[in-house]
Amino acid sequence: MQVIIYGKDDCTECRKSRLLCQMQSVPFHYLTVGREISVADLQARVGRPVRSLPQTFIERDGALTHVGGYDALRLALQGTAAAC
């Protein structure tokens, strides 16, 4: 399992998402919107207009699932921990 976080450097929720992954020892990849991915490409990946950051995905066994923002990531990782 790996988490992919799309965010901006000055975003509090983006920092919290990275810290959450670090604290739970979850591998993650961070991409900066506007530098490493365009807003248009992110919206295409999400499948709808993006109005907030971070946008997170969880990759498991080659399947990529859109999770949403920080709160959704926190809940998703809690569910992952409960399943282990």
PDB file of N, CA and C in Angstrom:
ATOM      1  N   MET A   1       0.844  -1.178   0.000  1.00  0.00           N
ATOM      2  CA  MET A   1       0.000   0.000   0.000  1.00  0.00           C
ATOM      3  C   MET A   1       0.890   1.242   0.000  1.00  0.00           C
ATOM      4  N   GLN A   2       0.453   2.221  -0.763  1.00  0.00           N
ATOM      5  CA  GLN A   2       1.125   3.517  -0.795  1.00  0.00           C
ATOM      6  C   GLN A   2       0.074   4.608  -0.931  1.00  0.00           C
ATOM      7  N   VAL A   3       0.319   5.735  -0.283  1.00  0.00           N
ATOM      8  CA  VAL A   3      -0.558   6.895  -0.387  1.00  0.00           C
ATOM      9  C   VAL A   3       0.092   7.887  -1.335  1.00  0.00           C
ATOM     10  N   ILE A   4      -0.715   8.470  -2.212  1.00  0.00           N
ATOM     11  CA  ILE A   4      -0.247   9.519  -3.106  1.00  0.00           C
ATOM     12  C   ILE A   4      -0.992  10.791  -2.719  1.00  0.00           C
ATOM     13  N   ILE A   5      -0.235  11.825  -2.393  1.00  0.00           N
ATOM     14  CA  ILE A   5      -0.805  13.092  -1.931  1.00  0.00           C
ATOM     15  C   ILE A   5      -0.477  14.173  -2.947  1.00  0.00           C
ATOM     16  N   TYR A   6      -1.506  14.856  -3.427  1.00  0.00           N
ATOM     17  CA  TYR A   6      -1.346  16.013  -4.300  1.00  0.00           C
ATOM     18  C   TYR A   6      -1.657  17.240  -3.458  1.00  0.00           C
ATOM     19  N   GLY A   7      -0.701  18.144  -3.336  1.00  0.00           N
ATOM     20  CA  GLY A   7      -0.921  19.296  -2.470  1.00  0.00           C
ATOM     21  C   GLY A   7      -0.061  20.478  -2.853  1.00  0.00           C
ATOM     22  N   LYS A   8      -0.040  21.450  -1.948  1.00  0.00           N
ATOM     23  CA  LYS A   8       0.790  22.646  -2.094  1.00  0.00           C
ATOM     24  C   LYS A   8       1.613  22.804  -0.821  1.00  0.00           C
ATOM     25  N   ASP A   9       2.778  23.388  -0.969  1.00  0.00           N
ATOM     26  CA  ASP A   9       3.706  23.494   0.156  1.00  0.00           C
ATOM     27  C   ASP A   9       3.175  24.342   1.306  1.00  0.00           C
ATOM     28  N   ASP A  10       2.357  25.358   1.022  1.00  0.00           N
ATOM     29  CA  ASP A  10       1.876  26.252   2.071  1.00  0.00           C
ATOM     30  C   ASP A  10       0.511  25.839   2.622  1.00  0.00           C
ATOM     31  N   CYS A  11       0.123  24.605   2.428  1.00  0.00           N
ATOM     32  CA  CYS A  11      -1.197  24.096   2.809  1.00  0.00           C
ATOM     33  C   CYS A  11      -1.107  23.309   4.129  1.00  0.00           C
ATOM     34  N   THR A  12      -1.846  23.747   5.133  1.00  0.00           N
ATOM     35  CA  THR A  12      -1.831  23.084   6.439  1.00  0.00           C
ATOM     36  C   THR A  12      -2.333  21.649   6.352  1.00  0.00           C
ATOM     37  N   GLU A  13      -3.435  21.444   5.646  1.00  0.00           N
ATOM     38  CA  GLU A  13      -4.003  20.089   5.527  1.00  0.00           C
ATOM     39  C   GLU A  13      -3.054  19.163   4.759  1.00  0.00           C
ATOM     40  N   CYS A  14      -2.317  19.710   3.818  1.00  0.00           N
ATOM     41  CA  CYS A  14      -1.335  18.922   3.065  1.00  0.00           C
ATOM     42  C   CYS A  14      -0.200  18.477   3.989  1.00  0.00           C
ATOM     43  N   ARG A  15       0.270  19.390   4.825  1.00  0.00           N
ATOM     44  CA  ARG A  15       1.320  19.044   5.796  1.00  0.00           C
ATOM     45  C   ARG A  15       0.815  17.984   6.768  1.00  0.00           C
ATOM     46  N   LYS A  16      -0.427  18.131   7.221  1.00  0.00           N
ATOM     47  CA  LYS A  16      -1.007  17.157   8.148  1.00  0.00           C
ATOM     48  C   LYS A  16      -1.107  15.778   7.500  1.00  0.00           C
ATOM     49  N   SER A  17      -1.424  15.732   6.226  1.00  0.00           N
ATOM     50  CA  SER A  17      -1.523  14.457   5.513  1.00  0.00           C
ATOM     51  C   SER A  17      -0.165  13.763   5.444  1.00  0.00           C
ATOM     52  N   ARG A  18       0.883  14.526   5.124  1.00  0.00           N
ATOM     53  CA  ARG A  18       2.233  13.944   5.092  1.00  0.00           C
ATOM     54  C   ARG A  18       2.645  13.466   6.474  1.00  0.00           C
ATOM     55  N   LEU A  19       2.380  14.277   7.502  1.00  0.00           N
ATOM     56  CA  LEU A  19       2.738  13.914   8.865  1.00  0.00           C
ATOM     57  C   LEU A  19       1.983  12.664   9.320  1.00  0.00           C
ATOM     58  N   LEU A  20       0.719  12.560   8.971  1.00  0.00           N
ATOM     59  CA  LEU A  20      -0.074  11.378   9.323  1.00  0.00           C
ATOM     60  C   LEU A  20       0.560  10.120   8.741  1.00  0.00           C
ATOM     61  N   CYS A  21       0.944  10.185   7.469  1.00  0.00           N
ATOM     62  CA  CYS A  21       1.593   9.024   6.842  1.00  0.00           C
ATOM     63  C   CYS A  21       2.912   8.693   7.544  1.00  0.00           C
ATOM     64  N   GLN A  22       3.682   9.719   7.852  1.00  0.00           N
ATOM     65  CA  GLN A  22       4.960   9.491   8.543  1.00  0.00           C
ATOM     66  C   GLN A  22       4.744   8.866   9.910  1.00  0.00           C
ATOM     67  N   MET A  23       3.773   9.384  10.663  1.00  0.00           N
ATOM     68  CA  MET A  23       3.518   8.880  12.020  1.00  0.00           C
ATOM     69  C   MET A  23       3.027   7.433  12.001  1.00  0.00           C
ATOM     70  N   GLN A  24       2.304   7.056  10.944  1.00  0.00           N
ATOM     71  CA  GLN A  24       1.784   5.693  10.858  1.00  0.00           C
ATOM     72  C   GLN A  24       2.673   4.783  10.009  1.00  0.00           C
ATOM     73  N   SER A  25       3.839   5.281   9.630  1.00  0.00           N
ATOM     74  CA  SER A  25       4.800   4.533   8.814  1.00  0.00           C
ATOM     75  C   SER A  25       4.169   3.998   7.529  1.00  0.00           C
ATOM     76  N   VAL A  26       3.357   4.838   6.900  1.00  0.00           N
ATOM     77  CA  VAL A  26       2.715   4.493   5.635  1.00  0.00           C
ATOM     78  C   VAL A  26       3.529   5.136   4.520  1.00  0.00           C
ATOM     79  N   PRO A  27       4.013   4.351   3.570  1.00  0.00           N
ATOM     80  CA  PRO A  27       4.753   4.941   2.456  1.00  0.00           C
ATOM     81  C   PRO A  27       3.860   5.906   1.679  1.00  0.00           C
ATOM     82  N   PHE A  28       4.432   7.049   1.286  1.00  0.00           N
ATOM     83  CA  PHE A  28       3.648   8.006   0.520  1.00  0.00           C
ATOM     84  C   PHE A  28       4.529   8.719  -0.486  1.00  0.00           C
ATOM     85  N   HIS A  29       3.869   9.232  -1.497  1.00  0.00           N
ATOM     86  CA  HIS A  29       4.527  10.025  -2.538  1.00  0.00           C
ATOM     87  C   HIS A  29       3.790  11.354  -2.585  1.00  0.00           C
ATOM     88  N   TYR A  30       4.522  12.456  -2.515  1.00  0.00           N
ATOM     89  CA  TYR A  30       3.924  13.792  -2.492  1.00  0.00           C
ATOM     90  C   TYR A  30       4.235  14.519  -3.794  1.00  0.00           C
ATOM     91  N   LEU A  31       3.203  15.045  -4.437  1.00  0.00           N
ATOM     92  CA  LEU A  31       3.366  15.812  -5.669  1.00  0.00           C
ATOM     93  C   LEU A  31       2.799  17.206  -5.461  1.00  0.00           C
ATOM     94  N   THR A  32       3.553  18.216  -5.846  1.00  0.00           N
ATOM     95  CA  THR A  32       3.126  19.603  -5.682  1.00  0.00           C
ATOM     96  C   THR A  32       2.302  20.031  -6.890  1.00  0.00           C
ATOM     97  N   VAL A  33       1.067  20.468  -6.626  1.00  0.00           N
ATOM     98  CA  VAL A  33       0.173  20.940  -7.676  1.00  0.00           C
ATOM     99  C   VAL A  33       0.708  22.259  -8.211  1.00  0.00           C
ATOM    100  N   GLY A  34       0.779  22.348  -9.514  1.00  0.00           N
ATOM    101  CA  GLY A  34       1.318  23.536 -10.160  1.00  0.00           C
ATOM    102  C   GLY A  34       2.783  23.385 -10.524  1.00  0.00           C
ATOM    103  N   ARG A  35       3.461  22.439  -9.913  1.00  0.00           N
ATOM    104  CA  ARG A  35       4.866  22.205 -10.225  1.00  0.00           C
ATOM    105  C   ARG A  35       5.050  20.818 -10.851  1.00  0.00           C
ATOM    106  N   GLU A  36       4.574  19.781 -10.156  1.00  0.00           N
ATOM    107  CA  GLU A  36       4.762  18.412 -10.644  1.00  0.00           C
ATOM    108  C   GLU A  36       3.518  17.853 -11.335  1.00  0.00           C
ATOM    109  N   ILE A  37       2.401  18.503 -11.143  1.00  0.00           N
ATOM    110  CA  ILE A  37       1.167  18.143 -11.829  1.00  0.00           C
ATOM    111  C   ILE A  37       0.327  19.412 -11.974  1.00  0.00           C
ATOM    112  N   SER A  38      -0.304  19.562 -13.122  1.00  0.00           N
ATOM    113  CA  SER A  38      -1.145  20.743 -13.336  1.00  0.00           C
ATOM    114  C   SER A  38      -2.510  20.529 -12.692  1.00  0.00           C
ATOM    115  N   VAL A  39      -3.210  21.617 -12.457  1.00  0.00           N
ATOM    116  CA  VAL A  39      -4.562  21.526 -11.906  1.00  0.00           C
ATOM    117  C   VAL A  39      -5.449  20.722 -12.848  1.00  0.00           C
ATOM    118  N   ALA A  40      -5.316  20.971 -14.158  1.00  0.00           N
ATOM    119  CA  ALA A  40      -6.125  20.246 -15.149  1.00  0.00           C
ATOM    120  C   ALA A  40      -5.849  18.741 -15.099  1.00  0.00           C
ATOM    121  N   ASP A  41      -4.576  18.361 -14.978  1.00  0.00           N
ATOM    122  CA  ASP A  41      -4.241  16.935 -14.901  1.00  0.00           C
ATOM    123  C   ASP A  41      -4.756  16.316 -13.604  1.00  0.00           C
ATOM    124  N   LEU A  42      -4.686  17.054 -12.511  1.00  0.00           N
ATOM    125  CA  LEU A  42      -5.215  16.551 -11.243  1.00  0.00           C
ATOM    126  C   LEU A  42      -6.723  16.362 -11.335  1.00  0.00           C
ATOM    127  N   GLN A  43      -7.415  17.331 -11.917  1.00  0.00           N
ATOM    128  CA  GLN A  43      -8.866  17.215 -12.064  1.00  0.00           C
ATOM    129  C   GLN A  43      -9.226  16.013 -12.930  1.00  0.00           C
ATOM    130  N   ALA A  44      -8.447  15.759 -13.969  1.00  0.00           N
ATOM    131  CA  ALA A  44      -8.683  14.586 -14.815  1.00  0.00           C
ATOM    132  C   ALA A  44      -8.477  13.306 -14.015  1.00  0.00           C
ATOM    133  N   ARG A  45      -7.480  13.286 -13.169  1.00  0.00           N
ATOM    134  CA  ARG A  45      -7.202  12.101 -12.362  1.00  0.00           C
ATOM    135  C   ARG A  45      -8.300  11.866 -11.325  1.00  0.00           C
ATOM    136  N   VAL A  46      -8.786  12.953 -10.711  1.00  0.00           N
ATOM    137  CA  VAL A  46      -9.849  12.856  -9.711  1.00  0.00           C
ATOM    138  C   VAL A  46     -11.186  12.534 -10.379  1.00  0.00           C
ATOM    139  N   GLY A  47     -11.390  13.074 -11.587  1.00  0.00           N
ATOM    140  CA  GLY A  47     -12.630  12.818 -12.303  1.00  0.00           C
ATOM    141  C   GLY A  47     -13.700  13.872 -12.102  1.00  0.00           C
ATOM    142  N   ARG A  48     -13.321  14.976 -11.492  1.00  0.00           N
ATOM    143  CA  ARG A  48     -14.249  16.093 -11.262  1.00  0.00           C
ATOM    144  C   ARG A  48     -13.424  17.319 -10.899  1.00  0.00           C
ATOM    145  N   PRO A  49     -14.053  18.494 -10.889  1.00  0.00           N
ATOM    146  CA  PRO A  49     -13.301  19.700 -10.507  1.00  0.00           C
ATOM    147  C   PRO A  49     -12.745  19.583  -9.083  1.00  0.00           C
ATOM    148  N   VAL A  50     -11.537  20.062  -8.908  1.00  0.00           N
ATOM    149  CA  VAL A  50     -10.877  20.034  -7.600  1.00  0.00           C
ATOM    150  C   VAL A  50     -10.975  21.425  -6.996  1.00  0.00           C
ATOM    151  N   ARG A  51     -11.559  21.506  -5.808  1.00  0.00           N
ATOM    152  CA  ARG A  51     -11.743  22.806  -5.163  1.00  0.00           C
ATOM    153  C   ARG A  51     -10.898  22.959  -3.901  1.00  0.00           C
ATOM    154  N   SER A  52     -10.259  21.871  -3.478  1.00  0.00           N
ATOM    155  CA  SER A  52      -9.456  21.954  -2.259  1.00  0.00           C
ATOM    156  C   SER A  52      -8.299  20.960  -2.343  1.00  0.00           C
ATOM    157  N   LEU A  53      -7.315  21.202  -1.510  1.00  0.00           N
ATOM    158  CA  LEU A  53      -6.153  20.326  -1.384  1.00  0.00           C
ATOM    159  C   LEU A  53      -5.988  19.979   0.077  1.00  0.00           C
ATOM    160  N   PRO A  54      -5.424  18.846   0.367  1.00  0.00           N
ATOM    161  CA  PRO A  54      -4.849  17.886  -0.557  1.00  0.00           C
ATOM    162  C   PRO A  54      -5.918  17.016  -1.216  1.00  0.00           C
ATOM    163  N   GLN A  55      -5.512  16.376  -2.284  1.00  0.00           N
ATOM    164  CA  GLN A  55      -6.284  15.303  -2.890  1.00  0.00           C
ATOM    165  C   GLN A  55      -5.414  14.064  -2.744  1.00  0.00           C
ATOM    166  N   THR A  56      -5.955  13.044  -2.120  1.00  0.00           N
ATOM    167  CA  THR A  56      -5.161  11.852  -1.842  1.00  0.00           C
ATOM    168  C   THR A  56      -5.764  10.623  -2.508  1.00  0.00           C
ATOM    169  N   PHE A  57      -4.872   9.700  -2.810  1.00  0.00           N
ATOM    170  CA  PHE A  57      -5.230   8.408  -3.391  1.00  0.00           C
ATOM    171  C   PHE A  57      -4.496   7.335  -2.597  1.00  0.00           C
ATOM    172  N   ILE A  58      -5.091   6.154  -2.534  1.00  0.00           N
ATOM    173  CA  ILE A  58      -4.415   5.001  -1.948  1.00  0.00           C
ATOM    174  C   ILE A  58      -4.236   3.972  -3.051  1.00  0.00           C
ATOM    175  N   GLU A  59      -3.006   3.517  -3.203  1.00  0.00           N
ATOM    176  CA  GLU A  59      -2.684   2.486  -4.187  1.00  0.00           C
ATOM    177  C   GLU A  59      -2.485   1.164  -3.463  1.00  0.00           C
ATOM    178  N   ARG A  60      -3.301   0.193  -3.832  1.00  0.00           N
ATOM    179  CA  ARG A  60      -3.200  -1.161  -3.247  1.00  0.00           C
ATOM    180  C   ARG A  60      -3.246  -2.173  -4.371  1.00  0.00           C
ATOM    181  N   ASP A  61      -2.278  -3.040  -4.419  1.00  0.00           N
ATOM    182  CA  ASP A  61      -2.249  -4.121  -5.406  1.00  0.00           C
ATOM    183  C   ASP A  61      -2.485  -3.609  -6.827  1.00  0.00           C
ATOM    184  N   GLY A  62      -1.902  -2.473  -7.158  1.00  0.00           N
ATOM    185  CA  GLY A  62      -2.015  -1.905  -8.495  1.00  0.00           C
ATOM    186  C   GLY A  62      -3.284  -1.115  -8.750  1.00  0.00           C
ATOM    187  N   ALA A  63      -4.226  -1.112  -7.811  1.00  0.00           N
ATOM    188  CA  ALA A  63      -5.469  -0.356  -7.966  1.00  0.00           C
ATOM    189  C   ALA A  63      -5.348   0.973  -7.233  1.00  0.00           C
ATOM    190  N   LEU A  64      -5.782   2.042  -7.884  1.00  0.00           N
ATOM    191  CA  LEU A  64      -5.698   3.386  -7.328  1.00  0.00           C
ATOM    192  C   LEU A  64      -7.100   3.854  -6.957  1.00  0.00           C
ATOM    193  N   THR A  65      -7.279   4.239  -5.676  1.00  0.00           N
ATOM    194  CA  THR A  65      -8.575   4.688  -5.181  1.00  0.00           C
ATOM    195  C   THR A  65      -8.464   6.116  -4.678  1.00  0.00           C
ATOM    196  N   HIS A  66      -9.355   6.994  -5.173  1.00  0.00           N
ATOM    197  CA  HIS A  66      -9.381   8.378  -4.704  1.00  0.00           C
ATOM    198  C   HIS A  66     -10.008   8.397  -3.317  1.00  0.00           C
ATOM    199  N   VAL A  67      -9.315   9.048  -2.380  1.00  0.00           N
ATOM    200  CA  VAL A  67      -9.782   9.128  -1.001  1.00  0.00           C
ATOM    201  C   VAL A  67     -10.393  10.486  -0.715  1.00  0.00           C
ATOM    202  N   GLY A  68      -9.709  11.563  -1.089  1.00  0.00           N
ATOM    203  CA  GLY A  68     -10.183  12.919  -0.810  1.00  0.00           C
ATOM    204  C   GLY A  68      -9.151  13.695  -0.038  1.00  0.00           C
ATOM    205  N   GLY A  69      -9.605  14.459   0.955  1.00  0.00           N
ATOM    206  CA  GLY A  69      -8.733  15.322   1.737  1.00  0.00           C
ATOM    207  C   GLY A  69      -8.171  14.649   2.974  1.00  0.00           C
ATOM    208  N   TYR A  70      -7.654  15.480   3.878  1.00  0.00           N
ATOM    209  CA  TYR A  70      -6.994  14.977   5.088  1.00  0.00           C
ATOM    210  C   TYR A  70      -7.924  14.118   5.940  1.00  0.00           C
ATOM    211  N   ASP A  71      -9.122  14.611   6.233  1.00  0.00           N
ATOM    212  CA  ASP A  71     -10.031  13.858   7.101  1.00  0.00           C
ATOM    213  C   ASP A  71     -10.377  12.503   6.497  1.00  0.00           C
ATOM    214  N   ALA A  72     -10.613  12.470   5.188  1.00  0.00           N
ATOM    215  CA  ALA A  72     -10.920  11.205   4.520  1.00  0.00           C
ATOM    216  C   ALA A  72      -9.717  10.262   4.560  1.00  0.00           C
ATOM    217  N   LEU A  73      -8.511  10.811   4.421  1.00  0.00           N
ATOM    218  CA  LEU A  73      -7.301   9.991   4.512  1.00  0.00           C
ATOM    219  C   LEU A  73      -7.160   9.407   5.908  1.00  0.00           C
ATOM    220  N   ARG A  74      -7.381  10.231   6.919  1.00  0.00           N
ATOM    221  CA  ARG A  74      -7.290   9.757   8.303  1.00  0.00           C
ATOM    222  C   ARG A  74      -8.249   8.594   8.531  1.00  0.00           C
ATOM    223  N   LEU A  75      -9.481   8.735   8.072  1.00  0.00           N
ATOM    224  CA  LEU A  75     -10.475   7.667   8.236  1.00  0.00           C
ATOM    225  C   LEU A  75     -10.087   6.422   7.445  1.00  0.00           C
ATOM    226  N   ALA A  76      -9.592   6.605   6.236  1.00  0.00           N
ATOM    227  CA  ALA A  76      -9.180   5.468   5.413  1.00  0.00           C
ATOM    228  C   ALA A  76      -8.029   4.700   6.053  1.00  0.00           C
ATOM    229  N   LEU A  77      -7.080   5.429   6.640  1.00  0.00           N
ATOM    230  CA  LEU A  77      -5.943   4.764   7.281  1.00  0.00           C
ATOM    231  C   LEU A  77      -6.376   4.085   8.579  1.00  0.00           C
ATOM    232  N   GLN A  78      -7.362   4.628   9.271  1.00  0.00           N
ATOM    233  CA  GLN A  78      -7.902   3.946  10.459  1.00  0.00           C
ATOM    234  C   GLN A  78      -8.522   2.628  10.047  1.00  0.00           C
ATOM    235  N   GLY A  79      -9.252   2.628   8.948  1.00  0.00           N
ATOM    236  CA  GLY A  79      -9.876   1.413   8.444  1.00  0.00           C
ATOM    237  C   GLY A  79      -8.846   0.374   8.039  1.00  0.00           C
ATOM    238  N   THR A  80      -7.731   0.856   7.482  1.00  0.00           N
ATOM    239  CA  THR A  80      -6.639  -0.038   7.077  1.00  0.00           C
ATOM    240  C   THR A  80      -6.006  -0.675   8.305  1.00  0.00           C
ATOM    241  N   ALA A  81      -5.798   0.123   9.359  1.00  0.00           N
ATOM    242  CA  ALA A  81      -5.200  -0.395  10.587  1.00  0.00           C
ATOM    243  C   ALA A  81      -6.117  -1.429  11.243  1.00  0.00           C
ATOM    244  N   ALA A  82      -7.431  -1.178  11.205  1.00  0.00           N
ATOM    245  CA  ALA A  82      -8.391  -2.100  11.811  1.00  0.00           C
ATOM    246  C   ALA A  82      -8.434  -3.419  11.048  1.00  0.00           C
ATOM    247  N   ALA A  83      -8.178  -3.363   9.718  1.00  0.00           N
ATOM    248  CA  ALA A  83      -8.227  -4.568   8.912  1.00  0.00           C
ATOM    249  C   ALA A  83      -6.994  -5.442   9.085  1.00  0.00           C
ATOM    250  N   CYS A  84      -5.919  -4.853   9.622  1.00  0.00           N
ATOM    251  CA  CYS A  84      -4.664  -5.621   9.773  1.00  0.00           C
ATOM    252  C   CYS A  84      -4.691  -6.529  10.982  1.00  0.00           C
TER     253      CYS A  84
END
